[in-house]
């Protein structure tokens, strides 16, 4: 996985300034690993979110916070895929299974 160039973490062992950043990072990865969306969809969404921020006039866009963009992208994907409203399907061993929402 390649993080954004401005993310100042050791990619083998990411470092976070706040616990909520760690949780957002883990949630985004977990939802992708459980096949709720492809990781490339998250990456493209993050790129679009950052581009939107960059295209906003400087006086209106606020301070740069990488994980704010991460969370905005995660929120968009959760909404798009209806992950908070769709039922979780499980197999015989009670493991979540991928399905179209």
PDB file of N, CA and C in Angstrom:
ATOM      1  N   UNK A   1       0.840  -1.164   0.000  1.00  0.00           N
ATOM      2  CA  UNK A   1       0.000   0.000   0.000  1.00  0.00           C
ATOM      3  C   UNK A   1       0.886   1.228   0.000  1.00  0.00           C
ATOM      4  N   UNK A   2       0.550   2.227  -0.823  1.00  0.00           N
ATOM      5  CA  UNK A   2       1.302   3.476  -0.859  1.00  0.00           C
ATOM      6  C   UNK A   2       0.454   4.567  -0.240  1.00  0.00           C
ATOM      7  N   UNK A   3       1.016   5.221   0.767  1.00  0.00           N
ATOM      8  CA  UNK A   3       0.342   6.336   1.408  1.00  0.00           C
ATOM      9  C   UNK A   3       0.647   7.620   0.654  1.00  0.00           C
ATOM     10  N   UNK A   4      -0.168   8.618   0.857  1.00  0.00           N
ATOM     11  CA  UNK A   4       0.043   9.919   0.233  1.00  0.00           C
ATOM     12  C   UNK A   4       1.409  10.450   0.642  1.00  0.00           C
ATOM     13  N   UNK A   5       2.085  11.154  -0.266  1.00  0.00           N
ATOM     14  CA  UNK A   5       3.436  11.649  -0.017  1.00  0.00           C
ATOM     15  C   UNK A   5       3.532  12.519   1.228  1.00  0.00           C
ATOM     16  N   UNK A   6       2.468  13.207   1.570  1.00  0.00           N
ATOM     17  CA  UNK A   6       2.514  14.095   2.738  1.00  0.00           C
ATOM     18  C   UNK A   6       2.284  13.356   4.045  1.00  0.00           C
ATOM     19  N   UNK A   7       1.972  12.090   3.975  1.00  0.00           N
ATOM     20  CA  UNK A   7       1.776  11.294   5.187  1.00  0.00           C
ATOM     21  C   UNK A   7       3.158  10.910   5.709  1.00  0.00           C
ATOM     22  N   UNK A   8       3.525  11.460   6.834  1.00  0.00           N
ATOM     23  CA  UNK A   8       4.885  11.280   7.345  1.00  0.00           C
ATOM     24  C   UNK A   8       4.953  10.079   8.277  1.00  0.00           C
ATOM     25  N   UNK A   9       4.687   8.915   7.721  1.00  0.00           N
ATOM     26  CA  UNK A   9       4.746   7.696   8.519  1.00  0.00           C
ATOM     27  C   UNK A   9       5.745   6.734   7.918  1.00  0.00           C
ATOM     28  N   UNK A  10       6.237   5.856   8.735  1.00  0.00           N
ATOM     29  CA  UNK A  10       7.010   4.720   8.266  1.00  0.00           C
ATOM     30  C   UNK A  10       5.981   3.744   7.734  1.00  0.00           C
ATOM     31  N   UNK A  11       5.984   3.493   6.440  1.00  0.00           N
ATOM     32  CA  UNK A  11       4.922   2.695   5.845  1.00  0.00           C
ATOM     33  C   UNK A  11       4.883   1.270   6.375  1.00  0.00           C
ATOM     34  N   UNK A  12       5.973   0.779   6.934  1.00  0.00           N
ATOM     35  CA  UNK A  12       5.964  -0.558   7.518  1.00  0.00           C
ATOM     36  C   UNK A  12       5.294  -0.541   8.894  1.00  0.00           C
ATOM     37  N   UNK A  13       5.311   0.591   9.578  1.00  0.00           N
ATOM     38  CA  UNK A  13       4.709   0.730  10.902  1.00  0.00           C
ATOM     39  C   UNK A  13       4.176   2.150  11.037  1.00  0.00           C
ATOM     40  N   UNK A  14       3.002   2.421  10.471  1.00  0.00           N
ATOM     41  CA  UNK A  14       2.472   3.791  10.489  1.00  0.00           C
ATOM     42  C   UNK A  14       2.402   4.373  11.899  1.00  0.00           C
ATOM     43  N   UNK A  15       2.648   5.665  11.994  1.00  0.00           N
ATOM     44  CA  UNK A  15       2.565   6.400  13.250  1.00  0.00           C
ATOM     45  C   UNK A  15       1.416   7.397  13.130  1.00  0.00           C
ATOM     46  N   UNK A  16       0.722   7.620  14.220  1.00  0.00           N
ATOM     47  CA  UNK A  16      -0.436   8.504  14.209  1.00  0.00           C
ATOM     48  C   UNK A  16      -0.316   9.502  15.346  1.00  0.00           C
ATOM     49  N   UNK A  17      -0.814  10.707  15.121  1.00  0.00           N
ATOM     50  CA  UNK A  17      -0.797  11.732  16.150  1.00  0.00           C
ATOM     51  C   UNK A  17      -1.920  11.551  17.158  1.00  0.00           C
ATOM     52  N   UNK A  18      -3.016  10.925  16.721  1.00  0.00           N
ATOM     53  CA  UNK A  18      -4.198  10.771  17.563  1.00  0.00           C
ATOM     54  C   UNK A  18      -4.790   9.372  17.364  1.00  0.00           C
ATOM     55  N   UNK A  19      -5.441   8.874  18.395  1.00  0.00           N
ATOM     56  CA  UNK A  19      -6.051   7.549  18.338  1.00  0.00           C
ATOM     57  C   UNK A  19      -7.111   7.455  17.238  1.00  0.00           C
ATOM     58  N   UNK A  20      -7.885   8.537  17.017  1.00  0.00           N
ATOM     59  CA  UNK A  20      -8.925   8.489  15.992  1.00  0.00           C
ATOM     60  C   UNK A  20      -8.313   8.264  14.608  1.00  0.00           C
ATOM     61  N   UNK A  21      -7.103   8.741  14.375  1.00  0.00           N
ATOM     62  CA  UNK A  21      -6.440   8.522  13.089  1.00  0.00           C
ATOM     63  C   UNK A  21      -6.119   7.043  12.912  1.00  0.00           C
ATOM     64  N   UNK A  22      -5.614   6.421  13.959  1.00  0.00           N
ATOM     65  CA  UNK A  22      -5.309   4.980  13.920  1.00  0.00           C
ATOM     66  C   UNK A  22      -6.579   4.178  13.633  1.00  0.00           C
ATOM     67  N   UNK A  23      -7.662   4.566  14.291  1.00  0.00           N
ATOM     68  CA  UNK A  23      -8.918   3.841  14.102  1.00  0.00           C
ATOM     69  C   UNK A  23      -9.476   4.028  12.688  1.00  0.00           C
ATOM     70  N   UNK A  24      -9.402   5.239  12.171  1.00  0.00           N
ATOM     71  CA  UNK A  24      -9.871   5.485  10.802  1.00  0.00           C
ATOM     72  C   UNK A  24      -9.043   4.696   9.798  1.00  0.00           C
ATOM     73  N   UNK A  25      -7.742   4.676  10.005  1.00  0.00           N
ATOM     74  CA  UNK A  25      -6.841   3.913   9.142  1.00  0.00           C
ATOM     75  C   UNK A  25      -7.224   2.438   9.164  1.00  0.00           C
ATOM     76  N   UNK A  26      -7.367   1.882  10.365  1.00  0.00           N
ATOM     77  CA  UNK A  26      -7.704   0.468  10.507  1.00  0.00           C
ATOM     78  C   UNK A  26      -9.068   0.124   9.952  1.00  0.00           C
ATOM     79  N   UNK A  27     -10.041   1.000  10.176  1.00  0.00           N
ATOM     80  CA  UNK A  27     -11.386   0.743   9.673  1.00  0.00           C
ATOM     81  C   UNK A  27     -11.412   0.732   8.150  1.00  0.00           C
ATOM     82  N   UNK A  28     -10.743   1.691   7.532  1.00  0.00           N
ATOM     83  CA  UNK A  28     -10.693   1.730   6.067  1.00  0.00           C
ATOM     84  C   UNK A  28     -10.068   0.455   5.507  1.00  0.00           C
ATOM     85  N   UNK A  29      -8.969   0.012   6.111  1.00  0.00           N
ATOM     86  CA  UNK A  29      -8.319  -1.218   5.657  1.00  0.00           C
ATOM     87  C   UNK A  29      -9.205  -2.434   5.892  1.00  0.00           C
ATOM     88  N   UNK A  30      -9.797  -2.512   7.076  1.00  0.00           N
ATOM     89  CA  UNK A  30     -10.631  -3.676   7.407  1.00  0.00           C
ATOM     90  C   UNK A  30     -11.830  -3.784   6.481  1.00  0.00           C
ATOM     91  N   UNK A  31     -12.496  -2.676   6.206  1.00  0.00           N
ATOM     92  CA  UNK A  31     -13.667  -2.722   5.326  1.00  0.00           C
ATOM     93  C   UNK A  31     -13.277  -3.181   3.924  1.00  0.00           C
ATOM     94  N   UNK A  32     -12.092  -2.790   3.485  1.00  0.00           N
ATOM     95  CA  UNK A  32     -11.613  -3.247   2.187  1.00  0.00           C
ATOM     96  C   UNK A  32     -11.262  -4.735   2.240  1.00  0.00           C
ATOM     97  N   UNK A  33     -10.584  -5.152   3.298  1.00  0.00           N
ATOM     98  CA  UNK A  33     -10.212  -6.564   3.427  1.00  0.00           C
ATOM     99  C   UNK A  33     -11.432  -7.473   3.520  1.00  0.00           C
ATOM    100  N   UNK A  34     -12.524  -6.955   4.092  1.00  0.00           N
ATOM    101  CA  UNK A  34     -13.765  -7.722   4.161  1.00  0.00           C
ATOM    102  C   UNK A  34     -14.605  -7.555   2.893  1.00  0.00           C
ATOM    103  N   UNK A  35     -13.991  -6.952   1.872  1.00  0.00           N
ATOM    104  CA  UNK A  35     -14.563  -6.823   0.525  1.00  0.00           C
ATOM    105  C   UNK A  35     -15.834  -5.976   0.452  1.00  0.00           C
ATOM    106  N   UNK A  36     -15.926  -4.998   1.323  1.00  0.00           N
ATOM    107  CA  UNK A  36     -17.050  -4.064   1.210  1.00  0.00           C
ATOM    108  C   UNK A  36     -16.790  -3.069   0.086  1.00  0.00           C
ATOM    109  N   UNK A  37     -15.517  -2.863  -0.243  1.00  0.00           N
ATOM    110  CA  UNK A  37     -15.106  -2.073  -1.397  1.00  0.00           C
ATOM    111  C   UNK A  37     -13.665  -2.466  -1.719  1.00  0.00           C
ATOM    112  N   UNK A  38     -13.262  -2.210  -2.948  1.00  0.00           N
ATOM    113  CA  UNK A  38     -11.882  -2.479  -3.352  1.00  0.00           C
ATOM    114  C   UNK A  38     -10.981  -1.388  -2.788  1.00  0.00           C
ATOM    115  N   UNK A  39      -9.769  -1.772  -2.411  1.00  0.00           N
ATOM    116  CA  UNK A  39      -8.833  -0.781  -1.888  1.00  0.00           C
ATOM    117  C   UNK A  39      -8.582   0.314  -2.916  1.00  0.00           C
ATOM    118  N   UNK A  40      -8.570  -0.041  -4.192  1.00  0.00           N
ATOM    119  CA  UNK A  40      -8.355   0.974  -5.231  1.00  0.00           C
ATOM    120  C   UNK A  40      -9.483   2.009  -5.228  1.00  0.00           C
ATOM    121  N   UNK A  41     -10.692   1.603  -4.859  1.00  0.00           N
ATOM    122  CA  UNK A  41     -11.802   2.555  -4.771  1.00  0.00           C
ATOM    123  C   UNK A  41     -11.536   3.556  -3.644  1.00  0.00           C
ATOM    124  N   UNK A  42     -11.004   3.075  -2.523  1.00  0.00           N
ATOM    125  CA  UNK A  42     -10.648   3.998  -1.444  1.00  0.00           C
ATOM    126  C   UNK A  42      -9.542   4.943  -1.907  1.00  0.00           C
ATOM    127  N   UNK A  43      -8.530   4.419  -2.548  1.00  0.00           N
ATOM    128  CA  UNK A  43      -7.423   5.251  -3.013  1.00  0.00           C
ATOM    129  C   UNK A  43      -7.905   6.344  -3.962  1.00  0.00           C
ATOM    130  N   UNK A  44      -8.735   5.958  -4.928  1.00  0.00           N
ATOM    131  CA  UNK A  44      -9.245   6.946  -5.883  1.00  0.00           C
ATOM    132  C   UNK A  44     -10.127   7.984  -5.183  1.00  0.00           C
ATOM    133  N   UNK A  45     -10.909   7.529  -4.215  1.00  0.00           N
ATOM    134  CA  UNK A  45     -11.728   8.462  -3.455  1.00  0.00           C
ATOM    135  C   UNK A  45     -10.885   9.439  -2.662  1.00  0.00           C
ATOM    136  N   UNK A  46      -9.795   8.956  -2.070  1.00  0.00           N
ATOM    137  CA  UNK A  46      -8.899   9.821  -1.306  1.00  0.00           C
ATOM    138  C   UNK A  46      -8.243  10.850  -2.221  1.00  0.00           C
ATOM    139  N   UNK A  47      -7.824  10.418  -3.387  1.00  0.00           N
ATOM    140  CA  UNK A  47      -7.242  11.339  -4.365  1.00  0.00           C
ATOM    141  C   UNK A  47      -8.259  12.422  -4.722  1.00  0.00           C
ATOM    142  N   UNK A  48      -9.498  12.026  -4.982  1.00  0.00           N
ATOM    143  CA  UNK A  48     -10.539  12.991  -5.343  1.00  0.00           C
ATOM    144  C   UNK A  48     -10.832  13.955  -4.190  1.00  0.00           C
ATOM    145  N   UNK A  49     -10.859  13.441  -2.965  1.00  0.00           N
ATOM    146  CA  UNK A  49     -11.111  14.285  -1.799  1.00  0.00           C
ATOM    147  C   UNK A  49     -10.005  15.320  -1.642  1.00  0.00           C
ATOM    148  N   UNK A  50      -8.762  14.893  -1.798  1.00  0.00           N
ATOM    149  CA  UNK A  50      -7.632  15.820  -1.679  1.00  0.00           C
ATOM    150  C   UNK A  50      -7.652  16.835  -2.818  1.00  0.00           C
ATOM    151  N   UNK A  51      -7.961  16.383  -4.036  1.00  0.00           N
ATOM    152  CA  UNK A  51      -8.032  17.311  -5.163  1.00  0.00           C
ATOM    153  C   UNK A  51      -9.123  18.350  -4.948  1.00  0.00           C
ATOM    154  N   UNK A  52     -10.237  17.936  -4.386  1.00  0.00           N
ATOM    155  CA  UNK A  52     -11.313  18.885  -4.095  1.00  0.00           C
ATOM    156  C   UNK A  52     -10.836  19.923  -3.087  1.00  0.00           C
ATOM    157  N   UNK A  53     -10.132  19.490  -2.052  1.00  0.00           N
ATOM    158  CA  UNK A  53      -9.591  20.407  -1.057  1.00  0.00           C
ATOM    159  C   UNK A  53      -8.601  21.371  -1.707  1.00  0.00           C
ATOM    160  N   UNK A  54      -7.726  20.830  -2.560  1.00  0.00           N
ATOM    161  CA  UNK A  54      -6.728  21.667  -3.233  1.00  0.00           C
ATOM    162  C   UNK A  54      -7.374  22.685  -4.164  1.00  0.00           C
ATOM    163  N   UNK A  55      -8.537  22.341  -4.735  1.00  0.00           N
ATOM    164  CA  UNK A  55      -9.238  23.231  -5.646  1.00  0.00           C
ATOM    165  C   UNK A  55     -10.089  24.281  -4.952  1.00  0.00           C
ATOM    166  N   UNK A  56     -10.232  24.158  -3.655  1.00  0.00           N
ATOM    167  CA  UNK A  56     -10.998  25.135  -2.878  1.00  0.00           C
ATOM    168  C   UNK A  56     -10.107  26.343  -2.622  1.00  0.00           C
ATOM    169  N   UNK A  57     -10.663  27.562  -2.731  1.00  0.00           N
ATOM    170  CA  UNK A  57      -9.838  28.743  -2.449  1.00  0.00           C
ATOM    171  C   UNK A  57      -9.167  28.635  -1.079  1.00  0.00           C
ATOM    172  N   UNK A  58      -7.926  29.049  -1.011  1.00  0.00           N
ATOM    173  CA  UNK A  58      -7.118  28.879   0.192  1.00  0.00           C
ATOM    174  C   UNK A  58      -7.786  29.454   1.439  1.00  0.00           C
ATOM    175  N   UNK A  59      -8.461  30.556   1.297  1.00  0.00           N
ATOM    176  CA  UNK A  59      -9.113  31.199   2.444  1.00  0.00           C
ATOM    177  C   UNK A  59     -10.278  30.367   2.988  1.00  0.00           C
ATOM    178  N   UNK A  60     -10.804  29.442   2.191  1.00  0.00           N
ATOM    179  CA  UNK A  60     -11.976  28.653   2.571  1.00  0.00           C
ATOM    180  C   UNK A  60     -11.662  27.216   2.973  1.00  0.00           C
ATOM    181  N   UNK A  61     -10.473  26.746   2.667  1.00  0.00           N
ATOM    182  CA  UNK A  61     -10.233  25.314   2.822  1.00  0.00           C
ATOM    183  C   UNK A  61      -9.678  24.888   4.174  1.00  0.00           C
ATOM    184  N   UNK A  62      -9.209  25.778   4.975  1.00  0.00           N
ATOM    185  CA  UNK A  62      -8.700  25.398   6.284  1.00  0.00           C
ATOM    186  C   UNK A  62      -7.325  24.768   6.221  1.00  0.00           C
ATOM    187  N   UNK A  63      -6.850  24.367   7.376  1.00  0.00           N
ATOM    188  CA  UNK A  63      -5.516  23.794   7.521  1.00  0.00           C
ATOM    189  C   UNK A  63      -5.467  22.374   6.948  1.00  0.00           C
ATOM    190  N   UNK A  64      -4.333  22.015   6.372  1.00  0.00           N
ATOM    191  CA  UNK A  64      -4.124  20.670   5.830  1.00  0.00           C
ATOM    192  C   UNK A  64      -4.076  19.663   6.966  1.00  0.00           C
ATOM    193  N   UNK A  65      -4.945  18.667   6.906  1.00  0.00           N
ATOM    194  CA  UNK A  65      -4.945  17.554   7.852  1.00  0.00           C
ATOM    195  C   UNK A  65      -5.202  16.284   7.048  1.00  0.00           C
ATOM    196  N   UNK A  66      -4.152  15.499   6.828  1.00  0.00           N
ATOM    197  CA  UNK A  66      -4.259  14.315   5.973  1.00  0.00           C
ATOM    198  C   UNK A  66      -5.405  13.403   6.394  1.00  0.00           C
ATOM    199  N   UNK A  67      -5.512  13.097   7.675  1.00  0.00           N
ATOM    200  CA  UNK A  67      -6.526  12.134   8.096  1.00  0.00           C
ATOM    201  C   UNK A  67      -7.941  12.696   8.075  1.00  0.00           C
ATOM    202  N   UNK A  68      -8.096  14.004   8.011  1.00  0.00           N
ATOM    203  CA  UNK A  68      -9.431  14.568   7.767  1.00  0.00           C
ATOM    204  C   UNK A  68      -9.919  14.130   6.388  1.00  0.00           C
ATOM    205  N   UNK A  69      -9.022  14.102   5.418  1.00  0.00           N
ATOM    206  CA  UNK A  69      -9.367  13.651   4.061  1.00  0.00           C
ATOM    207  C   UNK A  69      -9.633  12.149   4.050  1.00  0.00           C
ATOM    208  N   UNK A  70      -8.849  11.436   4.832  1.00  0.00           N
ATOM    209  CA  UNK A  70      -9.020   9.987   4.965  1.00  0.00           C
ATOM    210  C   UNK A  70     -10.424   9.682   5.481  1.00  0.00           C
ATOM    211  N   UNK A  71     -10.828  10.380   6.552  1.00  0.00           N
ATOM    212  CA  UNK A  71     -12.141  10.156   7.155  1.00  0.00           C
ATOM    213  C   UNK A  71     -13.256  10.587   6.209  1.00  0.00           C
ATOM    214  N   UNK A  72     -13.085  11.691   5.491  1.00  0.00           N
ATOM    215  CA  UNK A  72     -14.100  12.130   4.533  1.00  0.00           C
ATOM    216  C   UNK A  72     -14.292  11.079   3.446  1.00  0.00           C
ATOM    217  N   UNK A  73     -13.204  10.494   2.985  1.00  0.00           N
ATOM    218  CA  UNK A  73     -13.283   9.441   1.974  1.00  0.00           C
ATOM    219  C   UNK A  73     -13.965   8.206   2.540  1.00  0.00           C
ATOM    220  N   UNK A  74     -13.594   7.825   3.735  1.00  0.00           N
ATOM    221  CA  UNK A  74     -14.207   6.676   4.394  1.00  0.00           C
ATOM    222  C   UNK A  74     -15.709   6.903   4.570  1.00  0.00           C
ATOM    223  N   UNK A  75     -16.090   8.084   5.000  1.00  0.00           N
ATOM    224  CA  UNK A  75     -17.499   8.427   5.179  1.00  0.00           C
ATOM    225  C   UNK A  75     -18.267   8.306   3.856  1.00  0.00           C
ATOM    226  N   UNK A  76     -17.660   8.798   2.794  1.00  0.00           N
ATOM    227  CA  UNK A  76     -18.287   8.726   1.463  1.00  0.00           C
ATOM    228  C   UNK A  76     -18.502   7.270   1.041  1.00  0.00           C
ATOM    229  N   UNK A  77     -17.507   6.420   1.251  1.00  0.00           N
ATOM    230  CA  UNK A  77     -17.635   5.012   0.863  1.00  0.00           C
ATOM    231  C   UNK A  77     -18.658   4.280   1.725  1.00  0.00           C
ATOM    232  N   UNK A  78     -18.678   4.573   3.005  1.00  0.00           N
ATOM    233  CA  UNK A  78     -19.670   3.955   3.889  1.00  0.00           C
ATOM    234  C   UNK A  78     -21.073   4.328   3.443  1.00  0.00           C
ATOM    235  N   UNK A  79     -21.253   5.588   3.072  1.00  0.00           N
ATOM    236  CA  UNK A  79     -22.556   6.051   2.581  1.00  0.00           C
ATOM    237  C   UNK A  79     -22.896   5.406   1.236  1.00  0.00           C
ATOM    238  N   UNK A  80     -21.956   5.429   0.300  1.00  0.00           N
ATOM    239  CA  UNK A  80     -22.192   4.889  -1.047  1.00  0.00           C
ATOM    240  C   UNK A  80     -22.547   3.408  -1.014  1.00  0.00           C
ATOM    241  N   UNK A  81     -21.854   2.664  -0.166  1.00  0.00           N
ATOM    242  CA  UNK A  81     -22.080   1.224  -0.095  1.00  0.00           C
ATOM    243  C   UNK A  81     -23.118   0.828   0.959  1.00  0.00           C
ATOM    244  N   UNK A  82     -23.731   1.828   1.581  1.00  0.00           N
ATOM    245  CA  UNK A  82     -24.780   1.612   2.587  1.00  0.00           C
ATOM    246  C   UNK A  82     -24.331   0.627   3.663  1.00  0.00           C
ATOM    247  N   UNK A  83     -23.118   0.812   4.145  1.00  0.00           N
ATOM    248  CA  UNK A  83     -22.559  -0.135   5.100  1.00  0.00           C
ATOM    249  C   UNK A  83     -23.172  -0.026   6.490  1.00  0.00           C
ATOM    250  N   UNK A  84     -23.781   1.076   6.806  1.00  0.00           N
ATOM    251  CA  UNK A  84     -24.410   1.213   8.114  1.00  0.00           C
ATOM    252  C   UNK A  84     -25.874   0.813   8.103  1.00  0.00           C
ATOM    253  N   UNK A  85     -26.424   0.598   6.900  1.00  0.00           N
ATOM    254  CA  UNK A  85     -27.834   0.237   6.817  1.00  0.00           C
ATOM    255  C   UNK A  85     -28.049  -1.157   6.255  1.00  0.00           C
ATOM    256  N   UNK A  86     -27.075  -1.681   5.550  1.00  0.00           N
ATOM    257  CA  UNK A  86     -27.229  -2.996   4.934  1.00  0.00           C
ATOM    258  C   UNK A  86     -27.003  -4.100   5.965  1.00  0.00           C
ATOM    259  N   UNK A  87     -27.724  -5.196   5.861  1.00  0.00           N
ATOM    260  CA  UNK A  87     -27.503  -6.304   6.796  1.00  0.00           C
ATOM    261  C   UNK A  87     -26.157  -6.966   6.533  1.00  0.00           C
ATOM    262  N   UNK A  88     -25.564  -7.498   7.566  1.00  0.00           N
ATOM    263  CA  UNK A  88     -24.313  -8.247   7.433  1.00  0.00           C
ATOM    264  C   UNK A  88     -24.671  -9.705   7.189  1.00  0.00           C
ATOM    265  N   UNK A  89     -24.241 -10.246   6.061  1.00  0.00           N
ATOM    266  CA  UNK A  89     -24.473 -11.651   5.758  1.00  0.00           C
ATOM    267  C   UNK A  89     -23.300 -12.464   6.286  1.00  0.00           C
ATOM    268  N   UNK A  90     -23.605 -13.612   6.869  1.00  0.00           N
ATOM    269  CA  UNK A  90     -22.550 -14.459   7.430  1.00  0.00           C
ATOM    270  C   UNK A  90     -22.653 -15.876   6.882  1.00  0.00           C
ATOM    271  N   UNK A  91     -21.525 -16.572   6.942  1.00  0.00           N
ATOM    272  CA  UNK A  91     -21.521 -17.972   6.523  1.00  0.00           C
ATOM    273  C   UNK A  91     -21.865 -18.857   7.719  1.00  0.00           C
ATOM    274  N   UNK A  92     -21.743 -20.170   7.549  1.00  0.00           N
ATOM    275  CA  UNK A  92     -22.106 -21.117   8.612  1.00  0.00           C
ATOM    276  C   UNK A  92     -21.254 -20.952   9.872  1.00  0.00           C
ATOM    277  N   UNK A  93     -20.052 -20.379   9.698  1.00  0.00           N
ATOM    278  CA  UNK A  93     -19.163 -20.160  10.854  1.00  0.00           C
ATOM    279  C   UNK A  93     -19.288 -18.753  11.419  1.00  0.00           C
ATOM    280  N   UNK A  94     -20.330 -18.044  11.022  1.00  0.00           N
ATOM    281  CA  UNK A  94     -20.606 -16.679  11.484  1.00  0.00           C
ATOM    282  C   UNK A  94     -19.539 -15.675  11.084  1.00  0.00           C
ATOM    283  N   UNK A  95     -18.902 -15.896   9.924  1.00  0.00           N
ATOM    284  CA  UNK A  95     -17.957 -14.946   9.360  1.00  0.00           C
ATOM    285  C   UNK A  95     -18.681 -14.114   8.317  1.00  0.00           C
ATOM    286  N   UNK A  96     -18.409 -12.827   8.289  1.00  0.00           N
ATOM    287  CA  UNK A  96     -19.024 -11.948   7.292  1.00  0.00           C
ATOM    288  C   UNK A  96     -18.619 -12.416   5.895  1.00  0.00           C
ATOM    289  N   UNK A  97     -19.562 -12.378   4.970  1.00  0.00           N
ATOM    290  CA  UNK A  97     -19.295 -12.749   3.578  1.00  0.00           C
ATOM    291  C   UNK A  97     -19.576 -11.555   2.684  1.00  0.00           C
ATOM    292  N   UNK A  98     -18.784 -11.440   1.636  1.00  0.00           N
ATOM    293  CA  UNK A  98     -18.966 -10.345   0.686  1.00  0.00           C
ATOM    294  C   UNK A  98     -20.241 -10.536  -0.102  1.00  0.00           C
ATOM    295  N   UNK A  99     -20.928  -9.440  -0.368  1.00  0.00           N
ATOM    296  CA  UNK A  99     -22.122  -9.483  -1.207  1.00  0.00           C
ATOM    297  C   UNK A  99     -22.403  -8.084  -1.712  1.00  0.00           C
ATOM    298  N   UNK A 100     -23.192  -7.995  -2.765  1.00  0.00           N
ATOM    299  CA  UNK A 100     -23.591  -6.701  -3.286  1.00  0.00           C
ATOM    300  C   UNK A 100     -24.610  -6.093  -2.336  1.00  0.00           C
ATOM    301  N   UNK A 101     -24.435  -4.824  -2.044  1.00  0.00           N
ATOM    302  CA  UNK A 101     -25.367  -4.149  -1.131  1.00  0.00           C
ATOM    303  C   UNK A 101     -26.432  -3.482  -1.945  1.00  0.00           C
TER     304      UNK A 101
END
